[in-house]
PDB file of all heavy atoms in Angstrom:
ATOM      1  N   LEU A   1       0.834  -1.206   0.000  1.00  0.00           N
ATOM      2  CA  LEU A   1       0.000   0.000   0.000  1.00  0.00           C
ATOM      3  C   LEU A   1       0.866   1.253   0.000  1.00  0.00           C
ATOM      4  O   LEU A   1       1.851   1.332   0.733  1.00  0.00           O
ATOM      5  CB  LEU A   1      -0.895  -0.023   1.242  1.00  0.00           C
ATOM      6  CG  LEU A   1      -1.844   1.146   1.475  1.00  0.00           C
ATOM      7  CD1 LEU A   1      -2.925   1.200   0.399  1.00  0.00           C
ATOM      8  CD2 LEU A   1      -2.484   1.037   2.851  1.00  0.00           C
ATOM      9  N   ILE A   2       0.492   2.216  -0.836  1.00  0.00           N
ATOM     10  CA  ILE A   2       1.164   3.517  -0.857  1.00  0.00           C
ATOM     11  C   ILE A   2       0.211   4.538  -0.260  1.00  0.00           C
ATOM     12  O   ILE A   2      -0.920   4.700  -0.738  1.00  0.00           O
ATOM     13  CB  ILE A   2       1.548   3.930  -2.294  1.00  0.00           C
ATOM     14  CG1 ILE A   2       2.527   2.919  -2.892  1.00  0.00           C
ATOM     15  CG2 ILE A   2       2.150   5.328  -2.317  1.00  0.00           C
ATOM     16  CD1 ILE A   2       2.855   3.159  -4.360  1.00  0.00           C
ATOM     17  N   LEU A   3       0.648   5.219   0.796  1.00  0.00           N
ATOM     18  CA  LEU A   3      -0.178   6.214   1.474  1.00  0.00           C
ATOM     19  C   LEU A   3       0.349   7.611   1.166  1.00  0.00           C
ATOM     20  O   LEU A   3       1.530   7.903   1.373  1.00  0.00           O
ATOM     21  CB  LEU A   3      -0.151   5.999   2.996  1.00  0.00           C
ATOM     22  CG  LEU A   3      -1.074   4.914   3.561  1.00  0.00           C
ATOM     23  CD1 LEU A   3      -0.915   4.861   5.069  1.00  0.00           C
ATOM     24  CD2 LEU A   3      -2.508   5.170   3.192  1.00  0.00           C
ATOM     25  N   VAL A   4      -0.547   8.470   0.671  1.00  0.00           N
ATOM     26  CA  VAL A   4      -0.165   9.844   0.355  1.00  0.00           C
ATOM     27  C   VAL A   4      -1.107  10.811   1.062  1.00  0.00           C
ATOM     28  O   VAL A   4      -2.212  10.436   1.465  1.00  0.00           O
ATOM     29  CB  VAL A   4      -0.187  10.099  -1.171  1.00  0.00           C
ATOM     30  CG1 VAL A   4       0.932   9.348  -1.858  1.00  0.00           C
ATOM     31  CG2 VAL A   4      -1.532   9.698  -1.764  1.00  0.00           C
ATOM     32  N   GLU A   5      -0.666  12.050   1.202  1.00  0.00           N
ATOM     33  CA  GLU A   5      -1.479  13.032   1.939  1.00  0.00           C
ATOM     34  C   GLU A   5      -2.646  13.571   1.127  1.00  0.00           C
ATOM     35  O   GLU A   5      -3.630  14.060   1.673  1.00  0.00           O
ATOM     36  CB  GLU A   5      -0.602  14.191   2.439  1.00  0.00           C
ATOM     37  CG  GLU A   5       0.051  15.029   1.356  1.00  0.00           C
ATOM     38  CD  GLU A   5       1.401  14.488   0.905  1.00  0.00           C
ATOM     39  OE1 GLU A   5       1.683  13.291   1.137  1.00  0.00           O
ATOM     40  OE2 GLU A   5       2.169  15.263   0.303  1.00  0.00           O
ATOM     41  N   GLY A   6      -2.536  13.503  -0.210  1.00  0.00           N
ATOM     42  CA  GLY A   6      -3.608  14.000  -1.072  1.00  0.00           C
ATOM     43  C   GLY A   6      -3.582  13.286  -2.410  1.00  0.00           C
ATOM     44  O   GLY A   6      -2.587  12.639  -2.767  1.00  0.00           O
ATOM     45  N   PHE A   7      -4.678  13.397  -3.149  1.00  0.00           N
ATOM     46  CA  PHE A   7      -4.769  12.695  -4.436  1.00  0.00           C
ATOM     47  C   PHE A   7      -3.762  13.248  -5.431  1.00  0.00           C
ATOM     48  O   PHE A   7      -3.664  14.458  -5.636  1.00  0.00           O
ATOM     49  CB  PHE A   7      -6.185  12.816  -5.001  1.00  0.00           C
ATOM     50  CG  PHE A   7      -6.363  12.106  -6.313  1.00  0.00           C
ATOM     51  CD1 PHE A   7      -6.398  10.729  -6.360  1.00  0.00           C
ATOM     52  CD2 PHE A   7      -6.466  12.823  -7.501  1.00  0.00           C
ATOM     53  CE1 PHE A   7      -6.551  10.058  -7.580  1.00  0.00           C
ATOM     54  CE2 PHE A   7      -6.629  12.168  -8.707  1.00  0.00           C
ATOM     55  CZ  PHE A   7      -6.671  10.778  -8.745  1.00  0.00           C
ATOM     56  N   ASP A   8      -3.018  12.362  -6.065  1.00  0.00           N
ATOM     57  CA  ASP A   8      -2.022  12.715  -7.078  1.00  0.00           C
ATOM     58  C   ASP A   8      -2.312  11.876  -8.320  1.00  0.00           C
ATOM     59  O   ASP A   8      -2.081  10.660  -8.326  1.00  0.00           O
ATOM     60  CB  ASP A   8      -0.610  12.421  -6.539  1.00  0.00           C
ATOM     61  CG  ASP A   8       0.478  12.866  -7.507  1.00  0.00           C
ATOM     62  OD1 ASP A   8       0.190  13.015  -8.717  1.00  0.00           O
ATOM     63  OD2 ASP A   8       1.624  13.053  -7.061  1.00  0.00           O
ATOM     64  N   MET A   9      -2.812  12.511  -9.356  1.00  0.00           N
ATOM     65  CA  MET A   9      -3.205  11.791 -10.569  1.00  0.00           C
ATOM     66  C   MET A   9      -2.024  11.079 -11.213  1.00  0.00           C
ATOM     67  O   MET A   9      -2.132   9.924 -11.638  1.00  0.00           O
ATOM     68  CB  MET A   9      -3.843  12.763 -11.574  1.00  0.00           C
ATOM     69  CG  MET A   9      -4.269  12.111 -12.889  1.00  0.00           C
ATOM     70  SD  MET A   9      -5.492  10.797 -12.674  1.00  0.00           S
ATOM     71  CE  MET A   9      -6.983  11.781 -12.499  1.00  0.00           C
ATOM     72  N   ASN A  10      -0.876  11.744 -11.279  1.00  0.00           N
ATOM     73  CA  ASN A  10       0.308  11.114 -11.885  1.00  0.00           C
ATOM     74  C   ASN A  10       0.704   9.840 -11.132  1.00  0.00           C
ATOM     75  O   ASN A  10       1.020   8.817 -11.741  1.00  0.00           O
ATOM     76  CB  ASN A  10       1.483  12.091 -11.904  1.00  0.00           C
ATOM     77  CG  ASN A  10       1.343  13.141 -12.996  1.00  0.00           C
ATOM     78  OD1 ASN A  10       0.520  13.008 -13.893  1.00  0.00           O
ATOM     79  ND2 ASN A  10       2.136  14.191 -12.910  1.00  0.00           N
ATOM     80  N   LEU A  11       0.697   9.927  -9.810  1.00  0.00           N
ATOM     81  CA  LEU A  11       1.071   8.770  -8.991  1.00  0.00           C
ATOM     82  C   LEU A  11       0.063   7.641  -9.160  1.00  0.00           C
ATOM     83  O   LEU A  11       0.434   6.477  -9.302  1.00  0.00           O
ATOM     84  CB  LEU A  11       1.159   9.189  -7.518  1.00  0.00           C
ATOM     85  CG  LEU A  11       1.541   8.094  -6.522  1.00  0.00           C
ATOM     86  CD1 LEU A  11       2.943   7.579  -6.804  1.00  0.00           C
ATOM     87  CD2 LEU A  11       1.443   8.605  -5.091  1.00  0.00           C
ATOM     88  N   TRP A  12      -1.209   7.993  -9.172  1.00  0.00           N
ATOM     89  CA  TRP A  12      -2.255   6.980  -9.308  1.00  0.00           C
ATOM     90  C   TRP A  12      -2.163   6.263 -10.651  1.00  0.00           C
ATOM     91  O   TRP A  12      -2.268   5.037 -10.728  1.00  0.00           O
ATOM     92  CB  TRP A  12      -3.624   7.643  -9.151  1.00  0.00           C
ATOM     93  CG  TRP A  12      -4.763   6.673  -9.174  1.00  0.00           C
ATOM     94  CD1 TRP A  12      -5.187   5.850  -8.172  1.00  0.00           C
ATOM     95  CD2 TRP A  12      -5.619   6.405 -10.293  1.00  0.00           C
ATOM     96  NE1 TRP A  12      -6.261   5.099  -8.585  1.00  0.00           N
ATOM     97  CE2 TRP A  12      -6.557   5.407  -9.884  1.00  0.00           C
ATOM     98  CE3 TRP A  12      -5.711   6.915 -11.595  1.00  0.00           C
ATOM     99  CZ2 TRP A  12      -7.543   4.922 -10.732  1.00  0.00           C
ATOM    100  CZ3 TRP A  12      -6.695   6.417 -12.437  1.00  0.00           C
ATOM    101  CH2 TRP A  12      -7.600   5.433 -12.005  1.00  0.00           C
ATOM    102  N   LEU A  13      -1.940   7.026 -11.722  1.00  0.00           N
ATOM    103  CA  LEU A  13      -1.815   6.435 -13.055  1.00  0.00           C
ATOM    104  C   LEU A  13      -0.557   5.579 -13.160  1.00  0.00           C
ATOM    105  O   LEU A  13      -0.557   4.520 -13.794  1.00  0.00           O
ATOM    106  CB  LEU A  13      -1.802   7.530 -14.124  1.00  0.00           C
ATOM    107  CG  LEU A  13      -3.125   8.275 -14.359  1.00  0.00           C
ATOM    108  CD1 LEU A  13      -2.910   9.461 -15.281  1.00  0.00           C
ATOM    109  CD2 LEU A  13      -4.186   7.340 -14.927  1.00  0.00           C
ATOM    110  N   ALA A  14       0.528   6.039 -12.542  1.00  0.00           N
ATOM    111  CA  ALA A  14       1.791   5.297 -12.603  1.00  0.00           C
ATOM    112  C   ALA A  14       1.700   3.974 -11.855  1.00  0.00           C
ATOM    113  O   ALA A  14       2.363   2.998 -12.223  1.00  0.00           O
ATOM    114  CB  ALA A  14       2.920   6.147 -12.027  1.00  0.00           C
ATOM    115  N   ALA A  15       0.887   3.925 -10.805  1.00  0.00           N
ATOM    116  CA  ALA A  15       0.794   2.718  -9.969  1.00  0.00           C
ATOM    117  C   ALA A  15      -0.188   1.690 -10.515  1.00  0.00           C
ATOM    118  O   ALA A  15      -0.198   0.541 -10.065  1.00  0.00           O
ATOM    119  CB  ALA A  15       0.401   3.100  -8.544  1.00  0.00           C
ATOM    120  N   ARG A  16      -1.001   2.091 -11.501  1.00  0.00           N
ATOM    121  CA  ARG A  16      -2.051   1.188 -11.994  1.00  0.00           C
ATOM    122  C   ARG A  16      -1.512  -0.124 -12.555  1.00  0.00           C
ATOM    123  O   ARG A  16      -2.131  -1.174 -12.411  1.00  0.00           O
ATOM    124  CB  ARG A  16      -2.882   1.874 -13.084  1.00  0.00           C
ATOM    125  CG  ARG A  16      -3.937   2.803 -12.576  1.00  0.00           C
ATOM    126  CD  ARG A  16      -4.919   3.171 -13.667  1.00  0.00           C
ATOM    127  NE  ARG A  16      -4.269   3.637 -14.883  1.00  0.00           N
ATOM    128  CZ  ARG A  16      -4.922   3.999 -15.983  1.00  0.00           C
ATOM    129  NH1 ARG A  16      -6.250   3.935 -16.004  1.00  0.00           N
ATOM    130  NH2 ARG A  16      -4.277   4.413 -17.048  1.00  0.00           N
ATOM    131  N   ASN A  17      -0.355  -0.062 -13.214  1.00  0.00           N
ATOM    132  CA  ASN A  17       0.182  -1.254 -13.876  1.00  0.00           C
ATOM    133  C   ASN A  17       1.087  -2.085 -12.980  1.00  0.00           C
ATOM    134  O   ASN A  17       1.609  -3.115 -13.422  1.00  0.00           O
ATOM    135  CB  ASN A  17       0.955  -0.857 -15.145  1.00  0.00           C
ATOM    136  CG  ASN A  17       0.028  -0.391 -16.246  1.00  0.00           C
ATOM    137  OD1 ASN A  17      -1.118  -0.823 -16.322  1.00  0.00           O
ATOM    138  ND2 ASN A  17       0.508   0.509 -17.080  1.00  0.00           N
ATOM    139  N   LEU A  18       1.276  -1.655 -11.733  1.00  0.00           N
ATOM    140  CA  LEU A  18       2.098  -2.434 -10.809  1.00  0.00           C
ATOM    141  C   LEU A  18       1.212  -3.451 -10.096  1.00  0.00           C
ATOM    142  O   LEU A  18       0.225  -3.077  -9.463  1.00  0.00           O
ATOM    143  CB  LEU A  18       2.773  -1.513  -9.783  1.00  0.00           C
ATOM    144  CG  LEU A  18       3.833  -0.562 -10.332  1.00  0.00           C
ATOM    145  CD1 LEU A  18       4.314   0.383  -9.245  1.00  0.00           C
ATOM    146  CD2 LEU A  18       5.006  -1.344 -10.905  1.00  0.00           C
ATOM    147  N   PRO A  19       1.535  -4.738 -10.191  1.00  0.00           N
ATOM    148  CA  PRO A  19       0.669  -5.757  -9.580  1.00  0.00           C
ATOM    149  C   PRO A  19       0.669  -5.660  -8.052  1.00  0.00           C
ATOM    150  O   PRO A  19       1.718  -5.487  -7.420  1.00  0.00           O
ATOM    151  CB  PRO A  19       1.285  -7.080 -10.054  1.00  0.00           C
ATOM    152  CG  PRO A  19       2.700  -6.746 -10.391  1.00  0.00           C
ATOM    153  CD  PRO A  19       2.701  -5.329 -10.874  1.00  0.00           C
ATOM    154  N   ASN A  20      -0.505  -5.766  -7.476  1.00  0.00           N
ATOM    155  CA  ASN A  20      -0.679  -5.773  -6.018  1.00  0.00           C
ATOM    156  C   ASN A  20      -0.136  -4.522  -5.335  1.00  0.00           C
ATOM    157  O   ASN A  20       0.365  -4.580  -4.204  1.00  0.00           O
ATOM    158  CB  ASN A  20      -0.032  -7.024  -5.401  1.00  0.00           C
ATOM    159  CG  ASN A  20      -0.606  -8.310  -5.979  1.00  0.00           C
ATOM    160  OD1 ASN A  20      -1.810  -8.439  -6.133  1.00  0.00           O
ATOM    161  ND2 ASN A  20       0.261  -9.244  -6.314  1.00  0.00           N
ATOM    162  N   VAL A  21      -0.215  -3.400  -6.034  1.00  0.00           N
ATOM    163  CA  VAL A  21       0.164  -2.109  -5.446  1.00  0.00           C
ATOM    164  C   VAL A  21      -1.037  -1.179  -5.543  1.00  0.00           C
ATOM    165  O   VAL A  21      -1.602  -0.994  -6.620  1.00  0.00           O
ATOM    166  CB  VAL A  21       1.375  -1.482  -6.183  1.00  0.00           C
ATOM    167  CG1 VAL A  21       1.635  -0.061  -5.670  1.00  0.00           C
ATOM    168  CG2 VAL A  21       2.617  -2.341  -5.982  1.00  0.00           C
ATOM    169  N   THR A  22      -1.443  -0.611  -4.414  1.00  0.00           N
ATOM    170  CA  THR A  22      -2.573   0.322  -4.401  1.00  0.00           C
ATOM    171  C   THR A  22      -2.144   1.636  -3.779  1.00  0.00           C
ATOM    172  O   THR A  22      -1.260   1.678  -2.921  1.00  0.00           O
ATOM    173  CB  THR A  22      -3.768  -0.247  -3.610  1.00  0.00           C
ATOM    174  OG1 THR A  22      -3.335  -0.605  -2.289  1.00  0.00           O
ATOM    175  CG2 THR A  22      -4.341  -1.470  -4.282  1.00  0.00           C
ATOM    176  N   VAL A  23      -2.796   2.706  -4.222  1.00  0.00           N
ATOM    177  CA  VAL A  23      -2.520   4.045  -3.697  1.00  0.00           C
ATOM    178  C   VAL A  23      -3.776   4.546  -2.990  1.00  0.00           C
ATOM    179  O   VAL A  23      -4.874   4.480  -3.549  1.00  0.00           O
ATOM    180  CB  VAL A  23      -2.131   5.026  -4.832  1.00  0.00           C
ATOM    181  CG1 VAL A  23      -1.864   6.417  -4.271  1.00  0.00           C
ATOM    182  CG2 VAL A  23      -0.911   4.509  -5.580  1.00  0.00           C
ATOM    183  N   GLU A  24      -3.596   5.025  -1.766  1.00  0.00           N
ATOM    184  CA  GLU A  24      -4.735   5.547  -1.009  1.00  0.00           C
ATOM    185  C   GLU A  24      -4.344   6.848  -0.323  1.00  0.00           C
ATOM    186  O   GLU A  24      -3.186   7.038   0.069  1.00  0.00           O
ATOM    187  CB  GLU A  24      -5.202   4.545   0.045  1.00  0.00           C
ATOM    188  CG  GLU A  24      -6.060   3.429  -0.505  1.00  0.00           C
ATOM    189  CD  GLU A  24      -6.887   2.733   0.565  1.00  0.00           C
ATOM    190  OE1 GLU A  24      -7.199   3.381   1.591  1.00  0.00           O
ATOM    191  OE2 GLU A  24      -7.211   1.555   0.371  1.00  0.00           O
ATOM    192  N   GLU A  25      -5.352   7.723  -0.173  1.00  0.00           N
ATOM    193  CA  GLU A  25      -5.139   8.949   0.589  1.00  0.00           C
ATOM    194  C   GLU A  25      -5.211   8.630   2.070  1.00  0.00           C
ATOM    195  O   GLU A  25      -5.995   7.781   2.501  1.00  0.00           O
ATOM    196  CB  GLU A  25      -6.207   9.981   0.228  1.00  0.00           C
ATOM    197  CG  GLU A  25      -6.118  10.484  -1.197  1.00  0.00           C
ATOM    198  CD  GLU A  25      -7.224  11.477  -1.521  1.00  0.00           C
ATOM    199  OE1 GLU A  25      -7.275  12.536  -0.864  1.00  0.00           O
ATOM    200  OE2 GLU A  25      -8.038  11.182  -2.406  1.00  0.00           O
ATOM    201  N   ALA A  26      -4.410   9.339   2.847  1.00  0.00           N
ATOM    202  CA  ALA A  26      -4.321   9.069   4.287  1.00  0.00           C
ATOM    203  C   ALA A  26      -5.665   9.208   4.982  1.00  0.00           C
ATOM    204  O   ALA A  26      -5.985   8.439   5.889  1.00  0.00           O
ATOM    205  CB  ALA A  26      -3.301  10.006   4.924  1.00  0.00           C
ATOM    206  N   GLN A  27      -6.476  10.156   4.546  1.00  0.00           N
ATOM    207  CA  GLN A  27      -7.749  10.392   5.227  1.00  0.00           C
ATOM    208  C   GLN A  27      -8.774   9.299   4.957  1.00  0.00           C
ATOM    209  O   GLN A  27      -9.762   9.164   5.673  1.00  0.00           O
ATOM    210  CB  GLN A  27      -8.326  11.745   4.809  1.00  0.00           C
ATOM    211  CG  GLN A  27      -8.595  11.874   3.312  1.00  0.00           C
ATOM    212  CD  GLN A  27      -9.193  13.204   2.944  1.00  0.00           C
ATOM    213  OE1 GLN A  27      -9.923  13.790   3.725  1.00  0.00           O
ATOM    214  NE2 GLN A  27      -8.867  13.697   1.752  1.00  0.00           N
ATOM    215  N   PHE A  28      -8.537   8.462   3.921  1.00  0.00           N
ATOM    216  CA  PHE A  28      -9.495   7.421   3.569  1.00  0.00           C
ATOM    217  C   PHE A  28      -8.978   6.007   3.848  1.00  0.00           C
ATOM    218  O   PHE A  28      -9.652   5.034   3.497  1.00  0.00           O
ATOM    219  CB  PHE A  28      -9.881   7.523   2.091  1.00  0.00           C
ATOM    220  CG  PHE A  28     -10.513   8.829   1.722  1.00  0.00           C
ATOM    221  CD1 PHE A  28     -10.015   9.591   0.676  1.00  0.00           C
ATOM    222  CD2 PHE A  28     -11.604   9.321   2.434  1.00  0.00           C
ATOM    223  CE1 PHE A  28     -10.594  10.808   0.334  1.00  0.00           C
ATOM    224  CE2 PHE A  28     -12.188  10.534   2.104  1.00  0.00           C
ATOM    225  CZ  PHE A  28     -11.687  11.278   1.051  1.00  0.00           C
ATOM    226  N   VAL A  29      -7.818   5.879   4.455  1.00  0.00           N
ATOM    227  CA  VAL A  29      -7.253   4.543   4.661  1.00  0.00           C
ATOM    228  C   VAL A  29      -8.163   3.735   5.584  1.00  0.00           C
ATOM    229  O   VAL A  29      -8.752   4.258   6.525  1.00  0.00           O
ATOM    230  CB  VAL A  29      -5.820   4.638   5.233  1.00  0.00           C
ATOM    231  CG1 VAL A  29      -5.807   5.177   6.661  1.00  0.00           C
ATOM    232  CG2 VAL A  29      -5.133   3.279   5.180  1.00  0.00           C
ATOM    233  N   ASP A  30      -8.284   2.435   5.278  1.00  0.00           N
ATOM    234  CA  ASP A  30      -9.182   1.574   6.047  1.00  0.00           C
ATOM    235  C   ASP A  30      -8.406   0.375   6.600  1.00  0.00           C
ATOM    236  O   ASP A  30      -7.333   0.031   6.097  1.00  0.00           O
ATOM    237  CB  ASP A  30     -10.343   1.100   5.171  1.00  0.00           C
ATOM    238  CG  ASP A  30      -9.868   0.298   3.972  1.00  0.00           C
ATOM    239  OD1 ASP A  30      -9.617  -0.909   4.133  1.00  0.00           O
ATOM    240  OD2 ASP A  30      -9.730   0.881   2.880  1.00  0.00           O
ATOM    241  N   PRO A  31      -8.939  -0.277   7.629  1.00  0.00           N
ATOM    242  CA  PRO A  31      -8.214  -1.391   8.263  1.00  0.00           C
ATOM    243  C   PRO A  31      -8.005  -2.580   7.343  1.00  0.00           C
ATOM    244  O   PRO A  31      -6.999  -3.277   7.458  1.00  0.00           O
ATOM    245  CB  PRO A  31      -9.112  -1.763   9.458  1.00  0.00           C
ATOM    246  CG  PRO A  31     -10.439  -1.175   9.173  1.00  0.00           C
ATOM    247  CD  PRO A  31     -10.189   0.041   8.347  1.00  0.00           C
ATOM    248  N   VAL A  32      -8.922  -2.840   6.410  1.00  0.00           N
ATOM    249  CA  VAL A  32      -8.779  -3.984   5.508  1.00  0.00           C
ATOM    250  C   VAL A  32      -7.572  -3.799   4.591  1.00  0.00           C
ATOM    251  O   VAL A  32      -6.792  -4.726   4.370  1.00  0.00           O
ATOM    252  CB  VAL A  32     -10.065  -4.181   4.672  1.00  0.00           C
ATOM    253  CG1 VAL A  32      -9.871  -5.272   3.635  1.00  0.00           C
ATOM    254  CG2 VAL A  32     -11.236  -4.531   5.582  1.00  0.00           C
ATOM    255  N   ALA A  33      -7.401  -2.588   4.055  1.00  0.00           N
ATOM    256  CA  ALA A  33      -6.259  -2.307   3.183  1.00  0.00           C
ATOM    257  C   ALA A  33      -4.941  -2.457   3.946  1.00  0.00           C
ATOM    258  O   ALA A  33      -3.955  -2.967   3.413  1.00  0.00           O
ATOM    259  CB  ALA A  33      -6.376  -0.896   2.604  1.00  0.00           C
ATOM    260  N   LEU A  34      -4.927  -2.025   5.208  1.00  0.00           N
ATOM    261  CA  LEU A  34      -3.705  -2.104   6.015  1.00  0.00           C
ATOM    262  C   LEU A  34      -3.359  -3.544   6.376  1.00  0.00           C
ATOM    263  O   LEU A  34      -2.210  -3.972   6.282  1.00  0.00           O
ATOM    264  CB  LEU A  34      -3.869  -1.272   7.294  1.00  0.00           C
ATOM    265  CG  LEU A  34      -3.874   0.244   7.127  1.00  0.00           C
ATOM    266  CD1 LEU A  34      -4.251   0.919   8.434  1.00  0.00           C
ATOM    267  CD2 LEU A  34      -2.503   0.743   6.659  1.00  0.00           C
ATOM    268  N   VAL A  35      -4.377  -4.302   6.800  1.00  0.00           N
ATOM    269  CA  VAL A  35      -4.142  -5.686   7.211  1.00  0.00           C
ATOM    270  C   VAL A  35      -3.663  -6.529   6.032  1.00  0.00           C
ATOM    271  O   VAL A  35      -2.819  -7.420   6.187  1.00  0.00           O
ATOM    272  CB  VAL A  35      -5.435  -6.289   7.810  1.00  0.00           C
ATOM    273  CG1 VAL A  35      -5.306  -7.793   7.981  1.00  0.00           C
ATOM    274  CG2 VAL A  35      -5.737  -5.652   9.156  1.00  0.00           C
ATOM    275  N   GLY A  36      -4.154  -6.235   4.829  1.00  0.00           N
ATOM    276  CA  GLY A  36      -3.793  -7.024   3.660  1.00  0.00           C
ATOM    277  C   GLY A  36      -2.510  -6.596   2.980  1.00  0.00           C
ATOM    278  O   GLY A  36      -2.092  -7.224   2.010  1.00  0.00           O
ATOM    279  N   ALA A  37      -1.878  -5.524   3.464  1.00  0.00           N
ATOM    280  CA  ALA A  37      -0.673  -5.003   2.810  1.00  0.00           C
ATOM    281  C   ALA A  37       0.586  -5.685   3.337  1.00  0.00           C
ATOM    282  O   ALA A  37       0.788  -5.777   4.548  1.00  0.00           O
ATOM    283  CB  ALA A  37      -0.575  -3.497   3.031  1.00  0.00           C
ATOM    284  N   ALA A  38       1.406  -6.167   2.411  1.00  0.00           N
ATOM    285  CA  ALA A  38       2.676  -6.764   2.811  1.00  0.00           C
ATOM    286  C   ALA A  38       3.585  -5.685   3.408  1.00  0.00           C
ATOM    287  O   ALA A  38       4.245  -5.899   4.431  1.00  0.00           O
ATOM    288  CB  ALA A  38       3.349  -7.419   1.617  1.00  0.00           C
ATOM    289  N   LYS A  39       3.616  -4.514   2.748  1.00  0.00           N
ATOM    290  CA  LYS A  39       4.365  -3.361   3.251  1.00  0.00           C
ATOM    291  C   LYS A  39       3.584  -2.093   2.961  1.00  0.00           C
ATOM    292  O   LYS A  39       2.737  -2.063   2.055  1.00  0.00           O
ATOM    293  CB  LYS A  39       5.755  -3.267   2.604  1.00  0.00           C
ATOM    294  CG  LYS A  39       6.789  -4.189   3.222  1.00  0.00           C
ATOM    295  CD  LYS A  39       8.184  -3.854   2.724  1.00  0.00           C
ATOM    296  CE  LYS A  39       9.225  -4.733   3.416  1.00  0.00           C
ATOM    297  NZ  LYS A  39      10.604  -4.415   2.960  1.00  0.00           N
ATOM    298  N   VAL A  40       3.871  -1.061   3.718  1.00  0.00           N
ATOM    299  CA  VAL A  40       3.216   0.229   3.525  1.00  0.00           C
ATOM    300  C   VAL A  40       4.296   1.289   3.310  1.00  0.00           C
ATOM    301  O   VAL A  40       5.206   1.426   4.130  1.00  0.00           O
ATOM    302  CB  VAL A  40       2.350   0.621   4.744  1.00  0.00           C
ATOM    303  CG1 VAL A  40       1.749   2.010   4.540  1.00  0.00           C
ATOM    304  CG2 VAL A  40       1.246  -0.407   4.977  1.00  0.00           C
ATOM    305  N   VAL A  41       4.205   1.990   2.194  1.00  0.00           N
ATOM    306  CA  VAL A  41       5.076   3.140   1.948  1.00  0.00           C
ATOM    307  C   VAL A  41       4.246   4.391   2.176  1.00  0.00           C
ATOM    308  O   VAL A  41       3.198   4.566   1.569  1.00  0.00           O
ATOM    309  CB  VAL A  41       5.638   3.137   0.507  1.00  0.00           C
ATOM    310  CG1 VAL A  41       6.346   4.452   0.218  1.00  0.00           C
ATOM    311  CG2 VAL A  41       6.617   2.002   0.336  1.00  0.00           C
ATOM    312  N   ALA A  42       4.696   5.247   3.074  1.00  0.00           N
ATOM    313  CA  ALA A  42       3.921   6.439   3.413  1.00  0.00           C
ATOM    314  C   ALA A  42       4.808   7.665   3.407  1.00  0.00           C
ATOM    315  O   ALA A  42       5.975   7.611   3.800  1.00  0.00           O
ATOM    316  CB  ALA A  42       3.277   6.275   4.783  1.00  0.00           C
ATOM    317  N   SER A  43       4.249   8.764   2.942  1.00  0.00           N
ATOM    318  CA  SER A  43       4.971  10.034   3.044  1.00  0.00           C
ATOM    319  C   SER A  43       4.882  10.513   4.483  1.00  0.00           C
ATOM    320  O   SER A  43       3.955  10.158   5.223  1.00  0.00           O
ATOM    321  CB  SER A  43       4.364  11.068   2.094  1.00  0.00           C
ATOM    322  OG  SER A  43       3.039  11.390   2.499  1.00  0.00           O
ATOM    323  N   ALA A  44       5.849  11.316   4.889  1.00  0.00           N
ATOM    324  CA  ALA A  44       5.858  11.842   6.254  1.00  0.00           C
ATOM    325  C   ALA A  44       4.596  12.660   6.526  1.00  0.00           C
ATOM    326  O   ALA A  44       4.000  12.572   7.609  1.00  0.00           O
ATOM    327  CB  ALA A  44       7.113  12.690   6.467  1.00  0.00           C
TER     328      ALA A  44
END
């Protein structure tokens, strides 16, 4: 899971073709996405 502070169209489009990689905004993150993530990359 990639966590960002706000929606970034370029980042979202770039991540679409990466298998098992999702991009979510910090304010909308949910427990299911976190529990199912092997790793989480988050901006400060």
